[in-house]
């Protein structure tokens, strides 16, 4: 599996998710905007329409420098 590598704070940072792929995650927190927050290997993923305690399957829709966005897959 290839990970995109970026320089972050003088260190190389590998992103553990890929756009378009699906993952099963646990929503642990809520963002200030009301989105659920999941983490994969510490990497933050914002998932709209979820709440803490949800266990959902998501598809990664966007990857940024410090976080990703995903949507729930039915």
C-alpha atoms as a PDB file:
ATOM      1  CA  UNK A   1       0.000   0.000   0.000  1.00  0.00           C
ATOM      2  CA  UNK A   2       1.459   3.364  -0.914  1.00  0.00           C
ATOM      3  CA  UNK A   3       1.043   6.341   1.377  1.00  0.00           C
ATOM      4  CA  UNK A   4       1.479   9.948   0.383  1.00  0.00           C
ATOM      5  CA  UNK A   5       4.432  11.414   2.276  1.00  0.00           C
ATOM      6  CA  UNK A   6       4.603  15.048   3.347  1.00  0.00           C
ATOM      7  CA  UNK A   7       7.050  17.160   5.318  1.00  0.00           C
ATOM      8  CA  UNK A   8       5.443  18.221   8.591  1.00  0.00           C
ATOM      9  CA  UNK A   9       7.354  20.168  11.212  1.00  0.00           C
ATOM     10  CA  UNK A  10      10.675  19.002   9.801  1.00  0.00           C
ATOM     11  CA  UNK A  11       9.549  15.367   9.862  1.00  0.00           C
ATOM     12  CA  UNK A  12       8.131  13.160   7.182  1.00  0.00           C
ATOM     13  CA  UNK A  13       4.440  12.390   7.797  1.00  0.00           C
ATOM     14  CA  UNK A  14       2.698   9.464   6.121  1.00  0.00           C
ATOM     15  CA  UNK A  15      -1.085   9.569   5.660  1.00  0.00           C
ATOM     16  CA  UNK A  16      -2.727   6.260   6.571  1.00  0.00           C
ATOM     17  CA  UNK A  17      -5.810   6.772   4.351  1.00  0.00           C
ATOM     18  CA  UNK A  18      -6.391   7.016   0.607  1.00  0.00           C
ATOM     19  CA  UNK A  19      -9.068   8.996  -1.202  1.00  0.00           C
ATOM     20  CA  UNK A  20     -11.911   6.798  -2.474  1.00  0.00           C
ATOM     21  CA  UNK A  21     -11.155   3.877  -0.129  1.00  0.00           C
ATOM     22  CA  UNK A  22     -13.532   2.615   2.550  1.00  0.00           C
ATOM     23  CA  UNK A  23     -12.719   2.111   6.232  1.00  0.00           C
ATOM     24  CA  UNK A  24     -14.623   1.046   9.356  1.00  0.00           C
ATOM     25  CA  UNK A  25     -14.199   3.585  12.132  1.00  0.00           C
ATOM     26  CA  UNK A  26     -15.471   4.503  15.585  1.00  0.00           C
ATOM     27  CA  UNK A  27     -16.615   8.090  16.053  1.00  0.00           C
ATOM     28  CA  UNK A  28     -15.005   9.321  19.285  1.00  0.00           C
ATOM     29  CA  UNK A  29     -15.548  13.092  19.341  1.00  0.00           C
ATOM     30  CA  UNK A  30     -17.608  15.912  17.849  1.00  0.00           C
ATOM     31  CA  UNK A  31     -16.053  18.866  16.027  1.00  0.00           C
ATOM     32  CA  UNK A  32     -16.990  22.501  16.652  1.00  0.00           C
ATOM     33  CA  UNK A  33     -19.067  22.299  13.456  1.00  0.00           C
ATOM     34  CA  UNK A  34     -20.985  19.261  14.734  1.00  0.00           C
ATOM     35  CA  UNK A  35     -19.270  16.625  12.588  1.00  0.00           C
ATOM     36  CA  UNK A  36     -18.135  13.341  14.067  1.00  0.00           C
ATOM     37  CA  UNK A  37     -14.395  12.811  14.436  1.00  0.00           C
ATOM     38  CA  UNK A  38     -12.712   9.471  13.850  1.00  0.00           C
ATOM     39  CA  UNK A  39      -8.998   8.686  13.837  1.00  0.00           C
ATOM     40  CA  UNK A  40      -7.011   6.153  11.862  1.00  0.00           C
ATOM     41  CA  UNK A  41      -3.488   5.770  13.236  1.00  0.00           C
ATOM     42  CA  UNK A  42      -3.942   9.201  14.836  1.00  0.00           C
ATOM     43  CA  UNK A  43      -4.931  10.894  11.553  1.00  0.00           C
ATOM     44  CA  UNK A  44      -8.157  12.912  11.977  1.00  0.00           C
ATOM     45  CA  UNK A  45     -11.163  12.203   9.761  1.00  0.00           C
ATOM     46  CA  UNK A  46     -14.275  14.398   9.872  1.00  0.00           C
ATOM     47  CA  UNK A  47     -17.525  12.535   9.179  1.00  0.00           C
ATOM     48  CA  UNK A  48     -20.781  14.541   8.889  1.00  0.00           C
ATOM     49  CA  UNK A  49     -24.061  13.156  10.308  1.00  0.00           C
ATOM     50  CA  UNK A  50     -22.385  11.000  12.964  1.00  0.00           C
ATOM     51  CA  UNK A  51     -22.018  11.229  16.734  1.00  0.00           C
ATOM     52  CA  UNK A  52     -19.693   9.793  19.387  1.00  0.00           C
ATOM     53  CA  UNK A  53     -20.306   6.080  19.891  1.00  0.00           C
ATOM     54  CA  UNK A  54     -21.214   5.388  16.256  1.00  0.00           C
ATOM     55  CA  UNK A  55     -19.364   2.569  14.482  1.00  0.00           C
ATOM     56  CA  UNK A  56     -19.656   3.290  10.750  1.00  0.00           C
ATOM     57  CA  UNK A  57     -18.176   2.389   7.398  1.00  0.00           C
ATOM     58  CA  UNK A  58     -16.892   5.502   5.628  1.00  0.00           C
ATOM     59  CA  UNK A  59     -15.492   6.436   2.242  1.00  0.00           C
ATOM     60  CA  UNK A  60     -12.706   9.048   2.179  1.00  0.00           C
ATOM     61  CA  UNK A  61     -13.801  11.969   0.005  1.00  0.00           C
ATOM     62  CA  UNK A  62     -10.981  14.468   0.567  1.00  0.00           C
ATOM     63  CA  UNK A  63      -7.498  14.436   2.081  1.00  0.00           C
ATOM     64  CA  UNK A  64      -5.857  17.595   3.376  1.00  0.00           C
ATOM     65  CA  UNK A  65      -2.484  18.235   4.976  1.00  0.00           C
ATOM     66  CA  UNK A  66      -3.672  17.571   8.532  1.00  0.00           C
ATOM     67  CA  UNK A  67      -7.029  15.825   8.194  1.00  0.00           C
ATOM     68  CA  UNK A  68      -9.392  14.000   5.865  1.00  0.00           C
ATOM     69  CA  UNK A  69     -13.136  14.118   5.227  1.00  0.00           C
ATOM     70  CA  UNK A  70     -15.338  11.104   4.729  1.00  0.00           C
ATOM     71  CA  UNK A  71     -18.952  10.168   4.193  1.00  0.00           C
ATOM     72  CA  UNK A  72     -20.963   7.303   5.646  1.00  0.00           C
ATOM     73  CA  UNK A  73     -21.437   4.363   3.273  1.00  0.00           C
ATOM     74  CA  UNK A  74     -24.697   2.417   3.602  1.00  0.00           C
END
